[in-house]
Amino acid sequence: HPGSAVYADSVMGRFTISRDNAKNTLV
């Protein structure tokens, strides 16, 4: 789920990770 996302300090606020479990895709 989206709430589980964790970021390196160097990219926090600039990068966003997301996934679609049904489609097995990661962005």
mmCIF file of all heavy atoms, coordinates in Angstrom:
data_MODEL
# 
_entry.id   MODEL 
# 
loop_
_atom_site.group_PDB 
_atom_site.id 
_atom_site.type_symbol 
_atom_site.label_atom_id 
_atom_site.label_alt_id 
_atom_site.label_comp_id 
_atom_site.label_asym_id 
_atom_site.label_entity_id 
_atom_site.label_seq_id 
_atom_site.pdbx_PDB_ins_code 
_atom_site.Cartn_x 
_atom_site.Cartn_y 
_atom_site.Cartn_z 
_atom_site.occupancy 
_atom_site.B_iso_or_equiv 
_atom_site.pdbx_formal_charge 
_atom_site.auth_seq_id 
_atom_site.auth_comp_id 
_atom_site.auth_asym_id 
_atom_site.auth_atom_id 
_atom_site.pdbx_PDB_model_num 
ATOM 1   N N   . HIS A 1 1  ? 0.832  -1.193 0.000   1.00 0.00 ? 1  HIS A N   1 
ATOM 2   C CA  . HIS A 1 1  ? 0.000  0.000  0.000   1.00 0.00 ? 1  HIS A CA  1 
ATOM 3   C C   . HIS A 1 1  ? 0.869  1.247  0.000   1.00 0.00 ? 1  HIS A C   1 
ATOM 4   O O   . HIS A 1 1  ? 2.019  1.213  0.419   1.00 0.00 ? 1  HIS A O   1 
ATOM 5   C CB  . HIS A 1 1  ? -0.951 -0.001 1.195   1.00 0.00 ? 1  HIS A CB  1 
ATOM 6   C CG  . HIS A 1 1  ? -0.262 -0.129 2.515   1.00 0.00 ? 1  HIS A CG  1 
ATOM 7   N ND1 . HIS A 1 1  ? 0.186  0.967  3.212   1.00 0.00 ? 1  HIS A ND1 1 
ATOM 8   C CD2 . HIS A 1 1  ? 0.071  -1.218 3.251   1.00 0.00 ? 1  HIS A CD2 1 
ATOM 9   C CE1 . HIS A 1 1  ? 0.761  0.563  4.333   1.00 0.00 ? 1  HIS A CE1 1 
ATOM 10  N NE2 . HIS A 1 1  ? 0.705  -0.761 4.368   1.00 0.00 ? 1  HIS A NE2 1 
ATOM 11  N N   . PRO A 1 2  ? 0.326  2.367  -0.463  1.00 0.00 ? 2  PRO A N   1 
ATOM 12  C CA  . PRO A 1 2  ? 1.124  3.598  -0.580  1.00 0.00 ? 2  PRO A CA  1 
ATOM 13  C C   . PRO A 1 2  ? 1.728  4.070  0.729   1.00 0.00 ? 2  PRO A C   1 
ATOM 14  O O   . PRO A 1 2  ? 2.820  4.652  0.721   1.00 0.00 ? 2  PRO A O   1 
ATOM 15  C CB  . PRO A 1 2  ? 0.107  4.624  -1.110  1.00 0.00 ? 2  PRO A CB  1 
ATOM 16  C CG  . PRO A 1 2  ? -0.905 3.795  -1.829  1.00 0.00 ? 2  PRO A CG  1 
ATOM 17  C CD  . PRO A 1 2  ? -1.028 2.534  -1.021  1.00 0.00 ? 2  PRO A CD  1 
ATOM 18  N N   . GLY A 1 3  ? 1.057  3.846  1.846   1.00 0.00 ? 3  GLY A N   1 
ATOM 19  C CA  . GLY A 1 3  ? 1.567  4.292  3.123   1.00 0.00 ? 3  GLY A CA  1 
ATOM 20  C C   . GLY A 1 3  ? 2.843  3.610  3.554   1.00 0.00 ? 3  GLY A C   1 
ATOM 21  O O   . GLY A 1 3  ? 3.498  4.065  4.498   1.00 0.00 ? 3  GLY A O   1 
ATOM 22  N N   . SER A 1 4  ? 3.213  2.547  2.881   1.00 0.00 ? 4  SER A N   1 
ATOM 23  C CA  . SER A 1 4  ? 4.418  1.807  3.223   1.00 0.00 ? 4  SER A CA  1 
ATOM 24  C C   . SER A 1 4  ? 5.664  2.362  2.559   1.00 0.00 ? 4  SER A C   1 
ATOM 25  O O   . SER A 1 4  ? 6.759  1.852  2.800   1.00 0.00 ? 4  SER A O   1 
ATOM 26  C CB  . SER A 1 4  ? 4.251  0.334  2.836   1.00 0.00 ? 4  SER A CB  1 
ATOM 27  O OG  . SER A 1 4  ? 4.167  0.189  1.431   1.00 0.00 ? 4  SER A OG  1 
ATOM 28  N N   . ALA A 1 5  ? 5.534  3.372  1.731   1.00 0.00 ? 5  ALA A N   1 
ATOM 29  C CA  . ALA A 1 5  ? 6.675  3.901  0.989   1.00 0.00 ? 5  ALA A CA  1 
ATOM 30  C C   . ALA A 1 5  ? 7.700  4.528  1.925   1.00 0.00 ? 5  ALA A C   1 
ATOM 31  O O   . ALA A 1 5  ? 7.352  5.258  2.853   1.00 0.00 ? 5  ALA A O   1 
ATOM 32  C CB  . ALA A 1 5  ? 6.211  4.926  -0.034  1.00 0.00 ? 5  ALA A CB  1 
ATOM 33  N N   . VAL A 1 6  ? 8.956  4.234  1.671   1.00 0.00 ? 6  VAL A N   1 
ATOM 34  C CA  . VAL A 1 6  ? 10.071 4.800  2.416   1.00 0.00 ? 6  VAL A CA  1 
ATOM 35  C C   . VAL A 1 6  ? 11.096 5.294  1.410   1.00 0.00 ? 6  VAL A C   1 
ATOM 36  O O   . VAL A 1 6  ? 11.374 4.628  0.419   1.00 0.00 ? 6  VAL A O   1 
ATOM 37  C CB  . VAL A 1 6  ? 10.713 3.767  3.359   1.00 0.00 ? 6  VAL A CB  1 
ATOM 38  C CG1 . VAL A 1 6  ? 11.911 4.379  4.086   1.00 0.00 ? 6  VAL A CG1 1 
ATOM 39  C CG2 . VAL A 1 6  ? 9.691  3.259  4.364   1.00 0.00 ? 6  VAL A CG2 1 
ATOM 40  N N   . TYR A 1 7  ? 11.676 6.462  1.689   1.00 0.00 ? 7  TYR A N   1 
ATOM 41  C CA  . TYR A 1 7  ? 12.586 7.100  0.760   1.00 0.00 ? 7  TYR A CA  1 
ATOM 42  C C   . TYR A 1 7  ? 13.930 7.395  1.388   1.00 0.00 ? 7  TYR A C   1 
ATOM 43  O O   . TYR A 1 7  ? 14.032 7.684  2.584   1.00 0.00 ? 7  TYR A O   1 
ATOM 44  C CB  . TYR A 1 7  ? 12.007 8.426  0.256   1.00 0.00 ? 7  TYR A CB  1 
ATOM 45  C CG  . TYR A 1 7  ? 10.697 8.290  -0.465  1.00 0.00 ? 7  TYR A CG  1 
ATOM 46  C CD1 . TYR A 1 7  ? 9.491  8.349  0.221   1.00 0.00 ? 7  TYR A CD1 1 
ATOM 47  C CD2 . TYR A 1 7  ? 10.667 8.094  -1.838  1.00 0.00 ? 7  TYR A CD2 1 
ATOM 48  C CE1 . TYR A 1 7  ? 8.281  8.221  -0.443  1.00 0.00 ? 7  TYR A CE1 1 
ATOM 49  C CE2 . TYR A 1 7  ? 9.466  7.964  -2.510  1.00 0.00 ? 7  TYR A CE2 1 
ATOM 50  C CZ  . TYR A 1 7  ? 8.278  8.026  -1.813  1.00 0.00 ? 7  TYR A CZ  1 
ATOM 51  O OH  . TYR A 1 7  ? 7.087  7.894  -2.483  1.00 0.00 ? 7  TYR A OH  1 
ATOM 52  N N   . ALA A 1 8  ? 14.955 7.342  0.577   1.00 0.00 ? 8  ALA A N   1 
ATOM 53  C CA  . ALA A 1 8  ? 16.241 7.847  1.006   1.00 0.00 ? 8  ALA A CA  1 
ATOM 54  C C   . ALA A 1 8  ? 16.139 9.346  1.252   1.00 0.00 ? 8  ALA A C   1 
ATOM 55  O O   . ALA A 1 8  ? 15.391 10.051 0.575   1.00 0.00 ? 8  ALA A O   1 
ATOM 56  C CB  . ALA A 1 8  ? 17.304 7.568  -0.059  1.00 0.00 ? 8  ALA A CB  1 
ATOM 57  N N   . ASP A 1 9  ? 16.896 9.835  2.225   1.00 0.00 ? 9  ASP A N   1 
ATOM 58  C CA  . ASP A 1 9  ? 16.842 11.256 2.550   1.00 0.00 ? 9  ASP A CA  1 
ATOM 59  C C   . ASP A 1 9  ? 17.155 12.134 1.341   1.00 0.00 ? 9  ASP A C   1 
ATOM 60  O O   . ASP A 1 9  ? 16.584 13.218 1.182   1.00 0.00 ? 9  ASP A O   1 
ATOM 61  C CB  . ASP A 1 9  ? 17.823 11.579 3.674   1.00 0.00 ? 9  ASP A CB  1 
ATOM 62  C CG  . ASP A 1 9  ? 17.385 11.023 5.012   1.00 0.00 ? 9  ASP A CG  1 
ATOM 63  O OD1 . ASP A 1 9  ? 16.195 10.682 5.166   1.00 0.00 ? 9  ASP A OD1 1 
ATOM 64  O OD2 . ASP A 1 9  ? 18.236 10.938 5.912   1.00 0.00 ? 9  ASP A OD2 1 
ATOM 65  N N   . SER A 1 10 ? 18.031 11.666 0.490   1.00 0.00 ? 10 SER A N   1 
ATOM 66  C CA  . SER A 1 10 ? 18.478 12.467 -0.635  1.00 0.00 ? 10 SER A CA  1 
ATOM 67  C C   . SER A 1 10 ? 17.403 12.699 -1.691  1.00 0.00 ? 10 SER A C   1 
ATOM 68  O O   . SER A 1 10 ? 17.527 13.616 -2.502  1.00 0.00 ? 10 SER A O   1 
ATOM 69  C CB  . SER A 1 10 ? 19.700 11.824 -1.292  1.00 0.00 ? 10 SER A CB  1 
ATOM 70  O OG  . SER A 1 10 ? 19.393 10.522 -1.752  1.00 0.00 ? 10 SER A OG  1 
ATOM 71  N N   . VAL A 1 11 ? 16.358 11.870 -1.692  1.00 0.00 ? 11 VAL A N   1 
ATOM 72  C CA  . VAL A 1 11 ? 15.310 12.006 -2.701  1.00 0.00 ? 11 VAL A CA  1 
ATOM 73  C C   . VAL A 1 11 ? 13.962 12.364 -2.110  1.00 0.00 ? 11 VAL A C   1 
ATOM 74  O O   . VAL A 1 11 ? 13.011 12.614 -2.865  1.00 0.00 ? 11 VAL A O   1 
ATOM 75  C CB  . VAL A 1 11 ? 15.173 10.724 -3.550  1.00 0.00 ? 11 VAL A CB  1 
ATOM 76  C CG1 . VAL A 1 11 ? 16.523 10.304 -4.110  1.00 0.00 ? 11 VAL A CG1 1 
ATOM 77  C CG2 . VAL A 1 11 ? 14.544 9.598  -2.738  1.00 0.00 ? 11 VAL A CG2 1 
ATOM 78  N N   . MET A 1 12 ? 13.862 12.408 -0.811  1.00 0.00 ? 12 MET A N   1 
ATOM 79  C CA  . MET A 1 12 ? 12.597 12.685 -0.161  1.00 0.00 ? 12 MET A CA  1 
ATOM 80  C C   . MET A 1 12 ? 12.044 14.037 -0.602  1.00 0.00 ? 12 MET A C   1 
ATOM 81  O O   . MET A 1 12 ? 12.752 15.035 -0.631  1.00 0.00 ? 12 MET A O   1 
ATOM 82  C CB  . MET A 1 12 ? 12.773 12.656 1.354   1.00 0.00 ? 12 MET A CB  1 
ATOM 83  C CG  . MET A 1 12 ? 11.475 12.553 2.133   1.00 0.00 ? 12 MET A CG  1 
ATOM 84  S SD  . MET A 1 12 ? 11.780 12.304 3.905   1.00 0.00 ? 12 MET A SD  1 
ATOM 85  C CE  . MET A 1 12 ? 12.694 10.756 3.873   1.00 0.00 ? 12 MET A CE  1 
ATOM 86  N N   . GLY A 1 13 ? 10.772 14.032 -0.958  1.00 0.00 ? 13 GLY A N   1 
ATOM 87  C CA  . GLY A 1 13 ? 10.123 15.243 -1.424  1.00 0.00 ? 13 GLY A CA  1 
ATOM 88  C C   . GLY A 1 13 ? 10.246 15.477 -2.902  1.00 0.00 ? 13 GLY A C   1 
ATOM 89  O O   . GLY A 1 13 ? 9.532  16.321 -3.451  1.00 0.00 ? 13 GLY A O   1 
ATOM 90  N N   . ARG A 1 14 ? 11.135 14.751 -3.551  1.00 0.00 ? 14 ARG A N   1 
ATOM 91  C CA  . ARG A 1 14 ? 11.335 14.898 -4.993  1.00 0.00 ? 14 ARG A CA  1 
ATOM 92  C C   . ARG A 1 14 ? 10.874 13.676 -5.773  1.00 0.00 ? 14 ARG A C   1 
ATOM 93  O O   . ARG A 1 14 ? 10.404 13.807 -6.899  1.00 0.00 ? 14 ARG A O   1 
ATOM 94  C CB  . ARG A 1 14 ? 12.811 15.160 -5.309  1.00 0.00 ? 14 ARG A CB  1 
ATOM 95  C CG  . ARG A 1 14 ? 13.363 16.421 -4.665  1.00 0.00 ? 14 ARG A CG  1 
ATOM 96  C CD  . ARG A 1 14 ? 14.774 16.714 -5.154  1.00 0.00 ? 14 ARG A CD  1 
ATOM 97  N NE  . ARG A 1 14 ? 15.713 15.655 -4.792  1.00 0.00 ? 14 ARG A NE  1 
ATOM 98  C CZ  . ARG A 1 14 ? 16.416 14.942 -5.673  1.00 0.00 ? 14 ARG A CZ  1 
ATOM 99  N NH1 . ARG A 1 14 ? 16.287 15.174 -6.973  1.00 0.00 ? 14 ARG A NH1 1 
ATOM 100 N NH2 . ARG A 1 14 ? 17.256 14.007 -5.259  1.00 0.00 ? 14 ARG A NH2 1 
ATOM 101 N N   . PHE A 1 15 ? 11.030 12.504 -5.189  1.00 0.00 ? 15 PHE A N   1 
ATOM 102 C CA  . PHE A 1 15 ? 10.669 11.251 -5.859  1.00 0.00 ? 15 PHE A CA  1 
ATOM 103 C C   . PHE A 1 15 ? 9.424  10.660 -5.212  1.00 0.00 ? 15 PHE A C   1 
ATOM 104 O O   . PHE A 1 15 ? 9.193  10.817 -4.006  1.00 0.00 ? 15 PHE A O   1 
ATOM 105 C CB  . PHE A 1 15 ? 11.794 10.222 -5.749  1.00 0.00 ? 15 PHE A CB  1 
ATOM 106 C CG  . PHE A 1 15 ? 13.042 10.544 -6.522  1.00 0.00 ? 15 PHE A CG  1 
ATOM 107 C CD1 . PHE A 1 15 ? 13.239 11.780 -7.118  1.00 0.00 ? 15 PHE A CD1 1 
ATOM 108 C CD2 . PHE A 1 15 ? 14.037 9.583  -6.645  1.00 0.00 ? 15 PHE A CD2 1 
ATOM 109 C CE1 . PHE A 1 15 ? 14.395 12.072 -7.816  1.00 0.00 ? 15 PHE A CE1 1 
ATOM 110 C CE2 . PHE A 1 15 ? 15.201 9.858  -7.344  1.00 0.00 ? 15 PHE A CE2 1 
ATOM 111 C CZ  . PHE A 1 15 ? 15.383 11.097 -7.932  1.00 0.00 ? 15 PHE A CZ  1 
ATOM 112 N N   . THR A 1 16 ? 8.646  9.949  -6.001  1.00 0.00 ? 16 THR A N   1 
ATOM 113 C CA  . THR A 1 16 ? 7.478  9.243  -5.506  1.00 0.00 ? 16 THR A CA  1 
ATOM 114 C C   . THR A 1 16 ? 7.467  7.828  -6.063  1.00 0.00 ? 16 THR A C   1 
ATOM 115 O O   . THR A 1 16 ? 7.545  7.645  -7.279  1.00 0.00 ? 16 THR A O   1 
ATOM 116 C CB  . THR A 1 16 ? 6.177  9.954  -5.901  1.00 0.00 ? 16 THR A CB  1 
ATOM 117 O OG1 . THR A 1 16 ? 6.182  11.293 -5.398  1.00 0.00 ? 16 THR A OG1 1 
ATOM 118 C CG2 . THR A 1 16 ? 4.971  9.209  -5.325  1.00 0.00 ? 16 THR A CG2 1 
ATOM 119 N N   . ILE A 1 17 ? 7.365  6.846  -5.172  1.00 0.00 ? 17 ILE A N   1 
ATOM 120 C CA  . ILE A 1 17 ? 7.280  5.456  -5.588  1.00 0.00 ? 17 ILE A CA  1 
ATOM 121 C C   . ILE A 1 17 ? 5.827  5.004  -5.475  1.00 0.00 ? 17 ILE A C   1 
ATOM 122 O O   . ILE A 1 17 ? 5.113  5.381  -4.547  1.00 0.00 ? 17 ILE A O   1 
ATOM 123 C CB  . ILE A 1 17 ? 8.207  4.555  -4.744  1.00 0.00 ? 17 ILE A CB  1 
ATOM 124 C CG1 . ILE A 1 17 ? 8.254  3.132  -5.311  1.00 0.00 ? 17 ILE A CG1 1 
ATOM 125 C CG2 . ILE A 1 17 ? 7.787  4.546  -3.279  1.00 0.00 ? 17 ILE A CG2 1 
ATOM 126 C CD1 . ILE A 1 17 ? 9.310  2.250  -4.647  1.00 0.00 ? 17 ILE A CD1 1 
ATOM 127 N N   . SER A 1 18 ? 5.388  4.203  -6.422  1.00 0.00 ? 18 SER A N   1 
ATOM 128 C CA  . SER A 1 18 ? 4.034  3.671  -6.392  1.00 0.00 ? 18 SER A CA  1 
ATOM 129 C C   . SER A 1 18 ? 4.018  2.306  -7.055  1.00 0.00 ? 18 SER A C   1 
ATOM 130 O O   . SER A 1 18 ? 4.920  1.959  -7.816  1.00 0.00 ? 18 SER A O   1 
ATOM 131 C CB  . SER A 1 18 ? 3.054  4.625  -7.083  1.00 0.00 ? 18 SER A CB  1 
ATOM 132 O OG  . SER A 1 18 ? 3.407  4.832  -8.437  1.00 0.00 ? 18 SER A OG  1 
ATOM 133 N N   . ARG A 1 19 ? 2.981  1.524  -6.746  1.00 0.00 ? 19 ARG A N   1 
ATOM 134 C CA  . ARG A 1 19 ? 2.854  0.200  -7.348  1.00 0.00 ? 19 ARG A CA  1 
ATOM 135 C C   . ARG A 1 19 ? 1.395  -0.112 -7.630  1.00 0.00 ? 19 ARG A C   1 
ATOM 136 O O   . ARG A 1 19 ? 0.491  0.369  -6.944  1.00 0.00 ? 19 ARG A O   1 
ATOM 137 C CB  . ARG A 1 19 ? 3.464  -0.883 -6.449  1.00 0.00 ? 19 ARG A CB  1 
ATOM 138 C CG  . ARG A 1 19 ? 2.718  -1.115 -5.142  1.00 0.00 ? 19 ARG A CG  1 
ATOM 139 C CD  . ARG A 1 19 ? 3.467  -2.072 -4.224  1.00 0.00 ? 19 ARG A CD  1 
ATOM 140 N NE  . ARG A 1 19 ? 3.444  -3.444 -4.709  1.00 0.00 ? 19 ARG A NE  1 
ATOM 141 C CZ  . ARG A 1 19 ? 4.093  -4.460 -4.124  1.00 0.00 ? 19 ARG A CZ  1 
ATOM 142 N NH1 . ARG A 1 19 ? 4.838  -4.227 -3.043  1.00 0.00 ? 19 ARG A NH1 1 
ATOM 143 N NH2 . ARG A 1 19 ? 4.011  -5.683 -4.636  1.00 0.00 ? 19 ARG A NH2 1 
ATOM 144 N N   . ASP A 1 20 ? 1.193  -0.921 -8.628  1.00 0.00 ? 20 ASP A N   1 
ATOM 145 C CA  . ASP A 1 20 ? -0.116 -1.444 -8.966  1.00 0.00 ? 20 ASP A CA  1 
ATOM 146 C C   . ASP A 1 20 ? -0.018 -2.951 -8.798  1.00 0.00 ? 20 ASP A C   1 
ATOM 147 O O   . ASP A 1 20 ? 0.568  -3.637 -9.640  1.00 0.00 ? 20 ASP A O   1 
ATOM 148 C CB  . ASP A 1 20 ? -0.499 -1.073 -10.395 1.00 0.00 ? 20 ASP A CB  1 
ATOM 149 C CG  . ASP A 1 20 ? -1.909 -1.489 -10.755 1.00 0.00 ? 20 ASP A CG  1 
ATOM 150 O OD1 . ASP A 1 20 ? -2.389 -2.515 -10.243 1.00 0.00 ? 20 ASP A OD1 1 
ATOM 151 O OD2 . ASP A 1 20 ? -2.538 -0.784 -11.568 1.00 0.00 ? 20 ASP A OD2 1 
ATOM 152 N N   . ASN A 1 21 ? -0.584 -3.464 -7.712  1.00 0.00 ? 21 ASN A N   1 
ATOM 153 C CA  . ASN A 1 21 ? -0.447 -4.883 -7.405  1.00 0.00 ? 21 ASN A CA  1 
ATOM 154 C C   . ASN A 1 21 ? -1.159 -5.774 -8.416  1.00 0.00 ? 21 ASN A C   1 
ATOM 155 O O   . ASN A 1 21 ? -0.707 -6.885 -8.697  1.00 0.00 ? 21 ASN A O   1 
ATOM 156 C CB  . ASN A 1 21 ? -0.970 -5.168 -5.999  1.00 0.00 ? 21 ASN A CB  1 
ATOM 157 C CG  . ASN A 1 21 ? -0.133 -4.523 -4.920  1.00 0.00 ? 21 ASN A CG  1 
ATOM 158 O OD1 . ASN A 1 21 ? 1.096  -4.478 -5.019  1.00 0.00 ? 21 ASN A OD1 1 
ATOM 159 N ND2 . ASN A 1 21 ? -0.785 -4.019 -3.887  1.00 0.00 ? 21 ASN A ND2 1 
ATOM 160 N N   . ALA A 1 22 ? -2.278 -5.302 -8.948  1.00 0.00 ? 22 ALA A N   1 
ATOM 161 C CA  . ALA A 1 22 ? -3.012 -6.090 -9.926  1.00 0.00 ? 22 ALA A CA  1 
ATOM 162 C C   . ALA A 1 22 ? -2.238 -6.233 -11.221 1.00 0.00 ? 22 ALA A C   1 
ATOM 163 O O   . ALA A 1 22 ? -2.273 -7.285 -11.865 1.00 0.00 ? 22 ALA A O   1 
ATOM 164 C CB  . ALA A 1 22 ? -4.377 -5.461 -10.187 1.00 0.00 ? 22 ALA A CB  1 
ATOM 165 N N   . LYS A 1 23 ? -1.542 -5.188 -11.604 1.00 0.00 ? 23 LYS A N   1 
ATOM 166 C CA  . LYS A 1 23 ? -0.787 -5.203 -12.851 1.00 0.00 ? 23 LYS A CA  1 
ATOM 167 C C   . LYS A 1 23 ? 0.681  -5.549 -12.659 1.00 0.00 ? 23 LYS A C   1 
ATOM 168 O O   . LYS A 1 23 ? 1.421  -5.666 -13.641 1.00 0.00 ? 23 LYS A O   1 
ATOM 169 C CB  . LYS A 1 23 ? -0.900 -3.852 -13.547 1.00 0.00 ? 23 LYS A CB  1 
ATOM 170 C CG  . LYS A 1 23 ? -2.312 -3.497 -13.972 1.00 0.00 ? 23 LYS A CG  1 
ATOM 171 C CD  . LYS A 1 23 ? -2.350 -2.151 -14.678 1.00 0.00 ? 23 LYS A CD  1 
ATOM 172 C CE  . LYS A 1 23 ? -3.749 -1.813 -15.145 1.00 0.00 ? 23 LYS A CE  1 
ATOM 173 N NZ  . LYS A 1 23 ? -3.807 -0.495 -15.832 1.00 0.00 ? 23 LYS A NZ  1 
ATOM 174 N N   . ASN A 1 24 ? 1.096  -5.681 -11.409 1.00 0.00 ? 24 ASN A N   1 
ATOM 175 C CA  . ASN A 1 24 ? 2.492  -5.992 -11.093 1.00 0.00 ? 24 ASN A CA  1 
ATOM 176 C C   . ASN A 1 24 ? 3.455  -4.987 -11.733 1.00 0.00 ? 24 ASN A C   1 
ATOM 177 O O   . ASN A 1 24 ? 4.427  -5.361 -12.393 1.00 0.00 ? 24 ASN A O   1 
ATOM 178 C CB  . ASN A 1 24 ? 2.841  -7.415 -11.524 1.00 0.00 ? 24 ASN A CB  1 
ATOM 179 C CG  . ASN A 1 24 ? 2.163  -8.464 -10.679 1.00 0.00 ? 24 ASN A CG  1 
ATOM 180 O OD1 . ASN A 1 24 ? 1.958  -8.277 -9.479  1.00 0.00 ? 24 ASN A OD1 1 
ATOM 181 N ND2 . ASN A 1 24 ? 1.810  -9.581 -11.294 1.00 0.00 ? 24 ASN A ND2 1 
ATOM 182 N N   . THR A 1 25 ? 3.150  -3.731 -11.520 1.00 0.00 ? 25 THR A N   1 
ATOM 183 C CA  . THR A 1 25 ? 4.009  -2.675 -12.021 1.00 0.00 ? 25 THR A CA  1 
ATOM 184 C C   . THR A 1 25 ? 4.474  -1.780 -10.881 1.00 0.00 ? 25 THR A C   1 
ATOM 185 O O   . THR A 1 25 ? 3.779  -1.607 -9.877  1.00 0.00 ? 25 THR A O   1 
ATOM 186 C CB  . THR A 1 25 ? 3.309  -1.821 -13.085 1.00 0.00 ? 25 THR A CB  1 
ATOM 187 O OG1 . THR A 1 25 ? 2.109  -1.256 -12.530 1.00 0.00 ? 25 THR A OG1 1 
ATOM 188 C CG2 . THR A 1 25 ? 2.942  -2.660 -14.295 1.00 0.00 ? 25 THR A CG2 1 
ATOM 189 N N   . LEU A 1 26 ? 5.634  -1.229 -11.055 1.00 0.00 ? 26 LEU A N   1 
ATOM 190 C CA  . LEU A 1 26 ? 6.242  -0.330 -10.086 1.00 0.00 ? 26 LEU A CA  1 
ATOM 191 C C   . LEU A 1 26 ? 6.697  0.918  -10.829 1.00 0.00 ? 26 LEU A C   1 
ATOM 192 O O   . LEU A 1 26 ? 7.236  0.827  -11.929 1.00 0.00 ? 26 LEU A O   1 
ATOM 193 C CB  . LEU A 1 26 ? 7.438  -1.005 -9.423  1.00 0.00 ? 26 LEU A CB  1 
ATOM 194 C CG  . LEU A 1 26 ? 8.218  -0.187 -8.389  1.00 0.00 ? 26 LEU A CG  1 
ATOM 195 C CD1 . LEU A 1 26 ? 7.405  -0.027 -7.113  1.00 0.00 ? 26 LEU A CD1 1 
ATOM 196 C CD2 . LEU A 1 26 ? 9.560  -0.852 -8.093  1.00 0.00 ? 26 LEU A CD2 1 
ATOM 197 N N   . VAL A 1 27 ? 6.482  2.073  -10.220 1.00 0.00 ? 27 VAL A N   1 
ATOM 198 C CA  . VAL A 1 27 ? 6.817  3.341  -10.856 1.00 0.00 ? 27 VAL A CA  1 
ATOM 199 C C   . VAL A 1 27 ? 7.634  4.200  -9.906  1.00 0.00 ? 27 VAL A C   1 
ATOM 200 O O   . VAL A 1 27 ? 7.424  4.186  -8.688  1.00 0.00 ? 27 VAL A O   1 
ATOM 201 C CB  . VAL A 1 27 ? 5.540  4.094  -11.281 1.00 0.00 ? 27 VAL A CB  1 
ATOM 202 C CG1 . VAL A 1 27 ? 5.855  5.522  -11.714 1.00 0.00 ? 27 VAL A CG1 1 
ATOM 203 C CG2 . VAL A 1 27 ? 4.843  3.349  -12.403 1.00 0.00 ? 27 VAL A CG2 1 
# 
